[in-house]
Structure formats: C-alpha cells, structure tokens
Amino acid sequence: MSATAISVQVYSVREAFTADPAATLQRLADIGFTNVEPYGFVEHVDALEPALRAAGLAAPSGHNRLLGRDREEIFDAAQRLGMTTVVEPMVPAEEWQTLDSIRRTAEALNEIAAAARPRNLRVGYHNHAWELASVIDGVTALEHLVAALEPDVVLEVDTFWAAVGGQDPAALLRRLGDRARLIHIKDGPVTGEVKKDQVPLGEGEIAVDAVLDAAGAAELGVVEFDEYAGDEFDGVARSLAYLHQKQAQ
C-alpha cells in the first residue's frame, strides 16, 4: 500500500477526545497523522469542524450509524467536515446468518448510497468478525453482501476482525479487489481477549505485511485500536511509524 494514504480512527483515543476534542486532534497531528476518521461524527460535528481546521487535519472518511437514521443530517455533517465517504460501522451478527437478511442490508445501503450521490458522497460498510465467520454456500456473508451492493458502495475492510472471523485477510482483500477502498489495519491476538490485547502494528499475530501487500486497491489505510492496554497515543504513533517504514521500503 505504498501509495495509500494513512489515517487514524479517533475511536482509538475516545476517552481523550471526549474530554478535549481539540487537544486530542492536535496531538494526533503532532504525532504525524494528516488524516483522521471520526466516529459518531453527527453527534460531534460542532466540536470536530473547528478542531480539524485548527490541527490542519482532513477527515476523508467517517463512521456513523446510517441504517434507520436521518440521512440528510448525516450528509450535512459529512459535508461540513469535508468527508467523501460515510461508513456504516456495524450491522449486528444476527443479520448475517441468511441470504435474505444480507440482501435486506444491501438494499438499505444501496438506498442510502442513491441519496448520497447528489451530495458527492460515497457510502461504505465496515465489517467485524461475524460477517466473515458466517459462511453460506461456501461464501462469506461479507462477500454475499458485495454481490448485492451497487458498484459504488465500497467496503472498509477491517483486516483484524476478518482474521478473528477465521479468514485470511490478505486473501480476502485479493478476492474483493477494488471494492475494498478503505481498510482498518490493526494487530493483536486472533483468539482469546482479542480486544483487550490489541497491540501496535507488527507486534501481534496478524500478517500485517501480507495485508499491506494485498491492499493495492485501498485509497486509505486506517490505524485503529478497539482497546489498548498502554497509552493509546503511543500505540497509534508506533503503528504509524511501522506503516511509514513499510512505505519507504
């Protein structure tokens, strides 16, 4: 992913962000990030807009619940923040067990994407483990989703959760090709306390180098911790240094 831009999911430092959004974004900029991916950005838009500007950061993508929400409010907030891609962060595990429920999710995302196009916004979906652990007729539920999505609805493939779900994340990225326009890159154990024991890139069980090699279609690689036992800012800084080293090779 030598040409892929790097971002960081603000959820990784959510306690600091809740306490002081402006100082948190400035600290991420000081670490060396030029892009961030906000979470719940509709709720936080009034704090995010001036803080992003002050820190010199861009927010090309953001997470916000899309399904069943006021889409115009979501689109308004995304445009205020300069986003190009709005990402649905989660559809619960029970919705990935049958083809009918997967198709319903695809239809809902397609409908939102149609409304987003006139706003020059793109819709994406971010996976957890269950979309990969569910295999129907030999095909993962996530790939069944892709088959039912309009071509301009993209995936933000969480490569860590793909591994936890039992898939080889690099092989998955190769199968998805240019539908995987964004990726979440993180590391840790693939069994046991997979949230609590996450670590900076290159220090866990994920084949991060293989993921990076397979991510040629990705426009944006997003560093994230769901949880981290150490200092979160130090953790994302170490992950950023790892990515910069790989891009330089």
C-alpha atoms as a PDB file:
ATOM      1  CA  MET A   1       0.000   0.000   0.000  1.00  0.00           C
ATOM      2  CA  SER A   2       2.855   2.348  -0.786  1.00  0.00           C
ATOM      3  CA  ALA A   3       0.568   4.948  -2.356  1.00  0.00           C
ATOM      4  CA  THR A   4      -2.232   4.525   0.184  1.00  0.00           C
ATOM      5  CA  ALA A   5      -2.960   7.482   2.441  1.00  0.00           C
ATOM      6  CA  ILE A   6      -2.845   6.811   6.186  1.00  0.00           C
ATOM      7  CA  SER A   7      -5.494   7.816   8.701  1.00  0.00           C
ATOM      8  CA  VAL A   8      -6.373   7.019  12.303  1.00  0.00           C
ATOM      9  CA  GLN A   9      -9.762   6.147  13.764  1.00  0.00           C
ATOM     10  CA  VAL A  10     -10.480   8.686  16.504  1.00  0.00           C
ATOM     11  CA  TYR A  11     -12.277   5.941  18.447  1.00  0.00           C
ATOM     12  CA  SER A  12      -8.780   4.683  19.338  1.00  0.00           C
ATOM     13  CA  VAL A  13      -8.369   7.723  21.627  1.00  0.00           C
ATOM     14  CA  ARG A  14     -12.031   8.191  22.504  1.00  0.00           C
ATOM     15  CA  GLU A  15     -11.586   8.996  26.189  1.00  0.00           C
ATOM     16  CA  ALA A  16      -9.175  11.811  25.408  1.00  0.00           C
ATOM     17  CA  PHE A  17     -11.411  13.015  22.584  1.00  0.00           C
ATOM     18  CA  THR A  18     -14.455  13.118  24.852  1.00  0.00           C
ATOM     19  CA  ALA A  19     -12.502  15.156  27.406  1.00  0.00           C
ATOM     20  CA  ASP A  20     -10.934  17.601  24.924  1.00  0.00           C
ATOM     21  CA  PRO A  21     -11.610  17.166  21.194  1.00  0.00           C
ATOM     22  CA  ALA A  22      -9.333  19.993  20.045  1.00  0.00           C
ATOM     23  CA  ALA A  23      -6.333  18.915  22.116  1.00  0.00           C
ATOM     24  CA  THR A  24      -6.785  15.299  21.046  1.00  0.00           C
ATOM     25  CA  LEU A  25      -6.827  16.093  17.333  1.00  0.00           C
ATOM     26  CA  GLN A  26      -3.835  18.397  17.725  1.00  0.00           C
ATOM     27  CA  ARG A  27      -1.926  15.610  19.467  1.00  0.00           C
ATOM     28  CA  LEU A  28      -2.710  13.215  16.601  1.00  0.00           C
ATOM     29  CA  ALA A  29      -1.446  15.839  14.150  1.00  0.00           C
ATOM     30  CA  ASP A  30       1.715  16.323  16.224  1.00  0.00           C
ATOM     31  CA  ILE A  31       2.332  12.554  16.063  1.00  0.00           C
ATOM     32  CA  GLY A  32       2.343  12.851  12.286  1.00  0.00           C
ATOM     33  CA  PHE A  33      -1.156  11.967  11.126  1.00  0.00           C
ATOM     34  CA  THR A  34      -2.619  14.165   8.396  1.00  0.00           C
ATOM     35  CA  ASN A  35      -5.968  12.340   8.235  1.00  0.00           C
ATOM     36  CA  VAL A  36      -8.383  11.143  10.879  1.00  0.00           C
ATOM     37  CA  GLU A  37     -11.545   9.065  10.762  1.00  0.00           C
ATOM     38  CA  PRO A  38     -14.110  10.418  13.246  1.00  0.00           C
ATOM     39  CA  TYR A  39     -16.704   8.188  14.872  1.00  0.00           C
ATOM     40  CA  GLY A  40     -20.274   9.275  15.608  1.00  0.00           C
ATOM     41  CA  PHE A  41     -19.500  12.394  13.627  1.00  0.00           C
ATOM     42  CA  VAL A  42     -23.074  13.715  13.565  1.00  0.00           C
ATOM     43  CA  GLU A  43     -23.035  13.961  17.343  1.00  0.00           C
ATOM     44  CA  HIS A  44     -19.569  15.535  17.386  1.00  0.00           C
ATOM     45  CA  VAL A  45     -19.693  17.734  14.282  1.00  0.00           C
ATOM     46  CA  ASP A  46     -19.741  21.055  16.149  1.00  0.00           C
ATOM     47  CA  ALA A  47     -16.553  20.152  18.015  1.00  0.00           C
ATOM     48  CA  LEU A  48     -14.898  18.413  15.086  1.00  0.00           C
ATOM     49  CA  GLU A  49     -15.248  21.156  12.486  1.00  0.00           C
ATOM     50  CA  PRO A  50     -13.123  23.842  14.218  1.00  0.00           C
ATOM     51  CA  ALA A  51     -10.754  21.287  15.784  1.00  0.00           C
ATOM     52  CA  LEU A  52      -9.922  19.686  12.438  1.00  0.00           C
ATOM     53  CA  ARG A  53      -9.268  23.083  10.925  1.00  0.00           C
ATOM     54  CA  ALA A  54      -7.060  24.198  13.808  1.00  0.00           C
ATOM     55  CA  ALA A  55      -4.986  20.997  13.700  1.00  0.00           C
ATOM     56  CA  GLY A  56      -4.650  21.022   9.910  1.00  0.00           C
ATOM     57  CA  LEU A  57      -6.251  17.588   9.639  1.00  0.00           C
ATOM     58  CA  ALA A  58      -8.522  16.160   6.949  1.00  0.00           C
ATOM     59  CA  ALA A  59     -11.338  13.688   7.562  1.00  0.00           C
ATOM     60  CA  PRO A  60     -11.855  11.888   4.256  1.00  0.00           C
ATOM     61  CA  SER A  61     -13.987   9.194   5.911  1.00  0.00           C
ATOM     62  CA  GLY A  62     -16.132   8.878   9.000  1.00  0.00           C
ATOM     63  CA  HIS A  63     -18.198   6.362  10.927  1.00  0.00           C
ATOM     64  CA  ASN A  64     -21.810   6.994  11.809  1.00  0.00           C
ATOM     65  CA  ARG A  65     -24.798   4.714  12.041  1.00  0.00           C
ATOM     66  CA  LEU A  66     -26.556   5.064   8.680  1.00  0.00           C
ATOM     67  CA  LEU A  67     -29.320   2.471   8.699  1.00  0.00           C
ATOM     68  CA  GLY A  68     -32.537   3.800  10.147  1.00  0.00           C
ATOM     69  CA  ARG A  69     -31.097   7.273  10.763  1.00  0.00           C
ATOM     70  CA  ASP A  70     -31.822  10.734   9.341  1.00  0.00           C
ATOM     71  CA  ARG A  71     -29.667  10.571   6.229  1.00  0.00           C
ATOM     72  CA  GLU A  72     -29.849  14.280   5.443  1.00  0.00           C
ATOM     73  CA  GLU A  73     -28.456  15.099   8.891  1.00  0.00           C
ATOM     74  CA  ILE A  74     -25.650  12.607   8.268  1.00  0.00           C
ATOM     75  CA  PHE A  75     -24.891  14.039   4.838  1.00  0.00           C
ATOM     76  CA  ASP A  76     -24.954  17.612   6.160  1.00  0.00           C
ATOM     77  CA  ALA A  77     -22.438  16.762   8.885  1.00  0.00           C
ATOM     78  CA  ALA A  78     -20.212  14.840   6.478  1.00  0.00           C
ATOM     79  CA  GLN A  79     -20.070  17.755   4.070  1.00  0.00           C
ATOM     80  CA  ARG A  80     -19.296  20.204   6.865  1.00  0.00           C
ATOM     81  CA  LEU A  81     -16.296  18.034   7.736  1.00  0.00           C
ATOM     82  CA  GLY A  82     -15.103  17.616   4.148  1.00  0.00           C
ATOM     83  CA  MET A  83     -15.725  13.870   4.001  1.00  0.00           C
ATOM     84  CA  THR A  84     -16.053  11.884   0.821  1.00  0.00           C
ATOM     85  CA  THR A  85     -17.034   8.509   2.353  1.00  0.00           C
ATOM     86  CA  VAL A  86     -19.565   7.835   5.123  1.00  0.00           C
ATOM     87  CA  VAL A  87     -19.276   4.387   6.650  1.00  0.00           C
ATOM     88  CA  GLU A  88     -21.857   2.237   8.386  1.00  0.00           C
ATOM     89  CA  PRO A  89     -19.795   0.833  11.280  1.00  0.00           C
ATOM     90  CA  MET A  90     -21.846  -2.216  12.215  1.00  0.00           C
ATOM     91  CA  VAL A  91     -24.854  -4.369  11.417  1.00  0.00           C
ATOM     92  CA  PRO A  92     -25.428  -6.920  14.226  1.00  0.00           C
ATOM     93  CA  ALA A  93     -24.328 -10.538  13.907  1.00  0.00           C
ATOM     94  CA  GLU A  94     -27.843 -11.938  13.652  1.00  0.00           C
ATOM     95  CA  GLU A  95     -28.370 -10.098  10.362  1.00  0.00           C
ATOM     96  CA  TRP A  96     -25.590 -12.093   8.651  1.00  0.00           C
ATOM     97  CA  GLN A  97     -26.944 -15.607   9.014  1.00  0.00           C
ATOM     98  CA  THR A  98     -29.273 -15.831   5.976  1.00  0.00           C
ATOM     99  CA  LEU A  99     -29.164 -14.614   2.392  1.00  0.00           C
ATOM    100  CA  ASP A 100     -32.475 -12.822   2.858  1.00  0.00           C
ATOM    101  CA  SER A 101     -31.208 -10.722   5.753  1.00  0.00           C
ATOM    102  CA  ILE A 102     -27.966  -9.962   3.910  1.00  0.00           C
ATOM    103  CA  ARG A 103     -29.960  -8.792   0.888  1.00  0.00           C
ATOM    104  CA  ARG A 104     -32.064  -6.545   3.111  1.00  0.00           C
ATOM    105  CA  THR A 105     -28.906  -4.908   4.420  1.00  0.00           C
ATOM    106  CA  ALA A 106     -27.618  -4.465   0.868  1.00  0.00           C
ATOM    107  CA  GLU A 107     -30.910  -2.903  -0.256  1.00  0.00           C
ATOM    108  CA  ALA A 108     -30.812  -0.438   2.643  1.00  0.00           C
ATOM    109  CA  LEU A 109     -27.210   0.558   1.900  1.00  0.00           C
ATOM    110  CA  ASN A 110     -27.986   0.901  -1.806  1.00  0.00           C
ATOM    111  CA  GLU A 111     -30.887   3.214  -0.993  1.00  0.00           C
ATOM    112  CA  ILE A 112     -28.696   5.414   1.191  1.00  0.00           C
ATOM    113  CA  ALA A 113     -25.991   5.444  -1.486  1.00  0.00           C
ATOM    114  CA  ALA A 114     -28.508   6.638  -4.082  1.00  0.00           C
ATOM    115  CA  ALA A 115     -29.438   9.555  -1.826  1.00  0.00           C
ATOM    116  CA  ALA A 116     -25.756  10.319  -1.165  1.00  0.00           C
ATOM    117  CA  ARG A 117     -24.688  10.549  -4.804  1.00  0.00           C
ATOM    118  CA  PRO A 118     -26.160  14.027  -5.464  1.00  0.00           C
ATOM    119  CA  ARG A 119     -24.179  15.218  -2.433  1.00  0.00           C
ATOM    120  CA  ASN A 120     -20.945  13.806  -3.925  1.00  0.00           C
ATOM    121  CA  LEU A 121     -20.712  11.395  -1.014  1.00  0.00           C
ATOM    122  CA  ARG A 122     -19.948   7.693  -1.114  1.00  0.00           C
ATOM    123  CA  VAL A 123     -21.313   5.029   1.228  1.00  0.00           C
ATOM    124  CA  GLY A 124     -19.231   2.237   2.747  1.00  0.00           C
ATOM    125  CA  TYR A 125     -19.607  -0.672   5.135  1.00  0.00           C
ATOM    126  CA  HIS A 126     -17.163  -1.697   7.896  1.00  0.00           C
ATOM    127  CA  ASN A 127     -17.071  -5.322   8.991  1.00  0.00           C
ATOM    128  CA  HIS A 128     -16.499  -7.055  12.289  1.00  0.00           C
ATOM    129  CA  ALA A 129     -15.762 -10.776  12.740  1.00  0.00           C
ATOM    130  CA  TRP A 130     -19.256 -12.148  12.248  1.00  0.00           C
ATOM    131  CA  GLU A 131     -19.589 -11.197   8.577  1.00  0.00           C
ATOM    132  CA  LEU A 132     -16.582 -13.448   7.898  1.00  0.00           C
ATOM    133  CA  ALA A 133     -17.394 -16.203  10.380  1.00  0.00           C
ATOM    134  CA  SER A 134     -20.782 -16.675   8.692  1.00  0.00           C
ATOM    135  CA  VAL A 135     -20.271 -18.762   5.549  1.00  0.00           C
ATOM    136  CA  ILE A 136     -23.288 -19.562   3.367  1.00  0.00           C
ATOM    137  CA  ASP A 137     -22.942 -21.915   0.400  1.00  0.00           C
ATOM    138  CA  GLY A 138     -19.169 -21.688   0.723  1.00  0.00           C
ATOM    139  CA  VAL A 139     -19.100 -17.874   0.534  1.00  0.00           C
ATOM    140  CA  THR A 140     -18.644 -15.452   3.428  1.00  0.00           C
ATOM    141  CA  ALA A 141     -21.584 -13.256   4.338  1.00  0.00           C
ATOM    142  CA  LEU A 142     -19.487 -10.164   3.574  1.00  0.00           C
ATOM    143  CA  GLU A 143     -18.898 -11.368   0.022  1.00  0.00           C
ATOM    144  CA  HIS A 144     -22.603 -12.136  -0.385  1.00  0.00           C
ATOM    145  CA  LEU A 145     -23.196  -8.511   0.640  1.00  0.00           C
ATOM    146  CA  VAL A 146     -20.790  -7.260  -2.016  1.00  0.00           C
ATOM    147  CA  ALA A 147     -22.593  -9.236  -4.696  1.00  0.00           C
ATOM    148  CA  ALA A 148     -25.835  -7.422  -3.823  1.00  0.00           C
ATOM    149  CA  LEU A 149     -24.397  -3.909  -3.491  1.00  0.00           C
ATOM    150  CA  GLU A 150     -24.366  -1.251  -6.176  1.00  0.00           C
ATOM    151  CA  PRO A 151     -20.863  -0.871  -7.666  1.00  0.00           C
ATOM    152  CA  ASP A 152     -20.173   2.458  -5.975  1.00  0.00           C
ATOM    153  CA  VAL A 153     -20.903   1.181  -2.462  1.00  0.00           C
ATOM    154  CA  VAL A 154     -17.494   0.335  -1.044  1.00  0.00           C
ATOM    155  CA  LEU A 155     -16.071  -1.714   1.789  1.00  0.00           C
ATOM    156  CA  GLU A 156     -13.889  -0.605   4.634  1.00  0.00           C
ATOM    157  CA  VAL A 157     -12.344  -3.994   5.366  1.00  0.00           C
ATOM    158  CA  ASP A 158     -11.300  -4.395   8.972  1.00  0.00           C
ATOM    159  CA  THR A 159      -8.446  -6.792   8.375  1.00  0.00           C
ATOM    160  CA  PHE A 160      -8.034  -7.627  12.063  1.00  0.00           C
ATOM    161  CA  TRP A 161     -11.676  -8.647  12.514  1.00  0.00           C
ATOM    162  CA  ALA A 162     -11.501 -10.610   9.263  1.00  0.00           C
ATOM    163  CA  ALA A 163      -8.716 -12.704  10.800  1.00  0.00           C
ATOM    164  CA  VAL A 164     -10.642 -13.137  14.043  1.00  0.00           C
ATOM    165  CA  GLY A 165     -13.582 -14.287  11.902  1.00  0.00           C
ATOM    166  CA  GLY A 166     -11.459 -17.091  10.514  1.00  0.00           C
ATOM    167  CA  GLN A 167     -10.433 -15.619   7.165  1.00  0.00           C
ATOM    168  CA  ASP A 168      -7.005 -14.844   5.770  1.00  0.00           C
ATOM    169  CA  PRO A 169      -7.287 -11.051   5.490  1.00  0.00           C
ATOM    170  CA  ALA A 170      -4.786 -10.754   2.642  1.00  0.00           C
ATOM    171  CA  ALA A 171      -6.603 -13.411   0.610  1.00  0.00           C
ATOM    172  CA  LEU A 172      -9.895 -11.675   1.360  1.00  0.00           C
ATOM    173  CA  LEU A 173      -8.537  -8.354   0.098  1.00  0.00           C
ATOM    174  CA  ARG A 174      -7.378 -10.014  -3.105  1.00  0.00           C
ATOM    175  CA  ARG A 175     -10.829 -11.551  -3.642  1.00  0.00           C
ATOM    176  CA  LEU A 176     -12.563  -8.237  -3.012  1.00  0.00           C
ATOM    177  CA  GLY A 177     -10.259  -6.299  -5.334  1.00  0.00           C
ATOM    178  CA  ASP A 178     -11.270  -2.697  -5.886  1.00  0.00           C
ATOM    179  CA  ARG A 179     -14.363  -2.978  -3.670  1.00  0.00           C
ATOM    180  CA  ALA A 180     -12.030  -2.679  -0.652  1.00  0.00           C
ATOM    181  CA  ARG A 181     -11.335   1.032  -0.970  1.00  0.00           C
ATOM    182  CA  LEU A 182     -10.588   1.565   2.716  1.00  0.00           C
ATOM    183  CA  ILE A 183      -9.018  -0.784   5.247  1.00  0.00           C
ATOM    184  CA  HIS A 184      -8.659  -0.838   9.009  1.00  0.00           C
ATOM    185  CA  ILE A 185      -5.186  -2.002   9.981  1.00  0.00           C
ATOM    186  CA  LYS A 186      -4.566  -3.290  13.478  1.00  0.00           C
ATOM    187  CA  ASP A 187      -2.802  -6.123  15.234  1.00  0.00           C
ATOM    188  CA  GLY A 188      -3.221  -8.455  18.169  1.00  0.00           C
ATOM    189  CA  PRO A 189      -4.299 -11.988  19.009  1.00  0.00           C
ATOM    190  CA  VAL A 190      -6.888 -13.740  16.843  1.00  0.00           C
ATOM    191  CA  THR A 191      -8.307 -15.770  19.743  1.00  0.00           C
ATOM    192  CA  GLY A 192      -8.951 -15.018  23.387  1.00  0.00           C
ATOM    193  CA  GLU A 193      -9.073 -11.408  24.546  1.00  0.00           C
ATOM    194  CA  VAL A 194      -8.933 -10.036  21.011  1.00  0.00           C
ATOM    195  CA  LYS A 195      -9.979  -6.520  22.010  1.00  0.00           C
ATOM    196  CA  LYS A 196      -8.120  -6.089  25.288  1.00  0.00           C
ATOM    197  CA  ASP A 197      -4.839  -7.466  23.994  1.00  0.00           C
ATOM    198  CA  GLN A 198      -4.542  -5.480  20.742  1.00  0.00           C
ATOM    199  CA  VAL A 199      -1.021  -4.180  20.071  1.00  0.00           C
ATOM    200  CA  PRO A 200       0.720  -1.780  17.660  1.00  0.00           C
ATOM    201  CA  LEU A 201       1.246  -2.998  14.118  1.00  0.00           C
ATOM    202  CA  GLY A 202       3.853  -5.692  13.690  1.00  0.00           C
ATOM    203  CA  GLU A 203       3.690  -6.832  17.316  1.00  0.00           C
ATOM    204  CA  GLY A 204       0.793  -9.308  17.175  1.00  0.00           C
ATOM    205  CA  GLU A 205      -0.461 -12.340  15.261  1.00  0.00           C
ATOM    206  CA  ILE A 206      -1.819 -10.595  12.151  1.00  0.00           C
ATOM    207  CA  ALA A 207       0.267 -10.975   8.994  1.00  0.00           C
ATOM    208  CA  VAL A 208       0.362  -7.207   8.579  1.00  0.00           C
ATOM    209  CA  ASP A 209       2.959  -7.211   5.788  1.00  0.00           C
ATOM    210  CA  ALA A 210       0.815  -9.592   3.726  1.00  0.00           C
ATOM    211  CA  VAL A 211      -2.202  -7.371   4.345  1.00  0.00           C
ATOM    212  CA  LEU A 212      -0.293  -4.313   3.139  1.00  0.00           C
ATOM    213  CA  ASP A 213       0.918  -6.160   0.053  1.00  0.00           C
ATOM    214  CA  ALA A 214      -2.660  -7.196  -0.789  1.00  0.00           C
ATOM    215  CA  ALA A 215      -4.136  -3.735  -0.233  1.00  0.00           C
ATOM    216  CA  GLY A 216      -3.213  -2.254  -3.593  1.00  0.00           C
ATOM    217  CA  ALA A 217      -6.750  -1.053  -4.306  1.00  0.00           C
ATOM    218  CA  ALA A 218      -7.096   0.733  -0.981  1.00  0.00           C
ATOM    219  CA  GLU A 219      -7.178   4.519  -1.002  1.00  0.00           C
ATOM    220  CA  LEU A 220      -6.985   4.847   2.773  1.00  0.00           C
ATOM    221  CA  GLY A 221      -5.414   2.702   5.481  1.00  0.00           C
ATOM    222  CA  VAL A 222      -6.821   3.492   8.923  1.00  0.00           C
ATOM    223  CA  VAL A 223      -4.943   2.705  12.140  1.00  0.00           C
ATOM    224  CA  GLU A 224      -7.251   1.656  14.973  1.00  0.00           C
ATOM    225  CA  PHE A 225      -7.405   0.136  18.421  1.00  0.00           C
ATOM    226  CA  ASP A 226     -10.719  -1.142  19.731  1.00  0.00           C
ATOM    227  CA  GLU A 227      -8.925  -1.252  23.086  1.00  0.00           C
ATOM    228  CA  TYR A 228      -5.290  -0.859  24.102  1.00  0.00           C
ATOM    229  CA  ALA A 229      -3.732  -1.610  27.474  1.00  0.00           C
ATOM    230  CA  GLY A 230      -0.988   1.003  27.103  1.00  0.00           C
ATOM    231  CA  ASP A 231      -1.000   4.682  26.211  1.00  0.00           C
ATOM    232  CA  GLU A 232      -3.221   4.969  23.151  1.00  0.00           C
ATOM    233  CA  PHE A 233      -1.272   7.873  21.654  1.00  0.00           C
ATOM    234  CA  ASP A 234       1.975   5.938  21.955  1.00  0.00           C
ATOM    235  CA  GLY A 235       0.276   2.912  20.382  1.00  0.00           C
ATOM    236  CA  VAL A 236      -1.024   4.751  17.330  1.00  0.00           C
ATOM    237  CA  ALA A 237       2.352   6.521  16.971  1.00  0.00           C
ATOM    238  CA  ARG A 238       4.132   3.155  16.873  1.00  0.00           C
ATOM    239  CA  SER A 239       1.668   1.877  14.287  1.00  0.00           C
ATOM    240  CA  LEU A 240       2.184   4.981  12.163  1.00  0.00           C
ATOM    241  CA  ALA A 241       5.966   4.559  12.346  1.00  0.00           C
ATOM    242  CA  TYR A 242       5.576   0.944  11.214  1.00  0.00           C
ATOM    243  CA  LEU A 243       3.486   1.993   8.201  1.00  0.00           C
ATOM    244  CA  HIS A 244       5.899   4.770   7.254  1.00  0.00           C
ATOM    245  CA  GLN A 245       8.778   2.302   7.408  1.00  0.00           C
ATOM    246  CA  LYS A 246       6.932  -0.123   5.126  1.00  0.00           C
ATOM    247  CA  GLN A 247       6.024   2.626   2.668  1.00  0.00           C
ATOM    248  CA  ALA A 248       9.682   3.650   2.482  1.00  0.00           C
ATOM    249  CA  GLN A 249      10.845   0.139   1.578  1.00  0.00           C
END
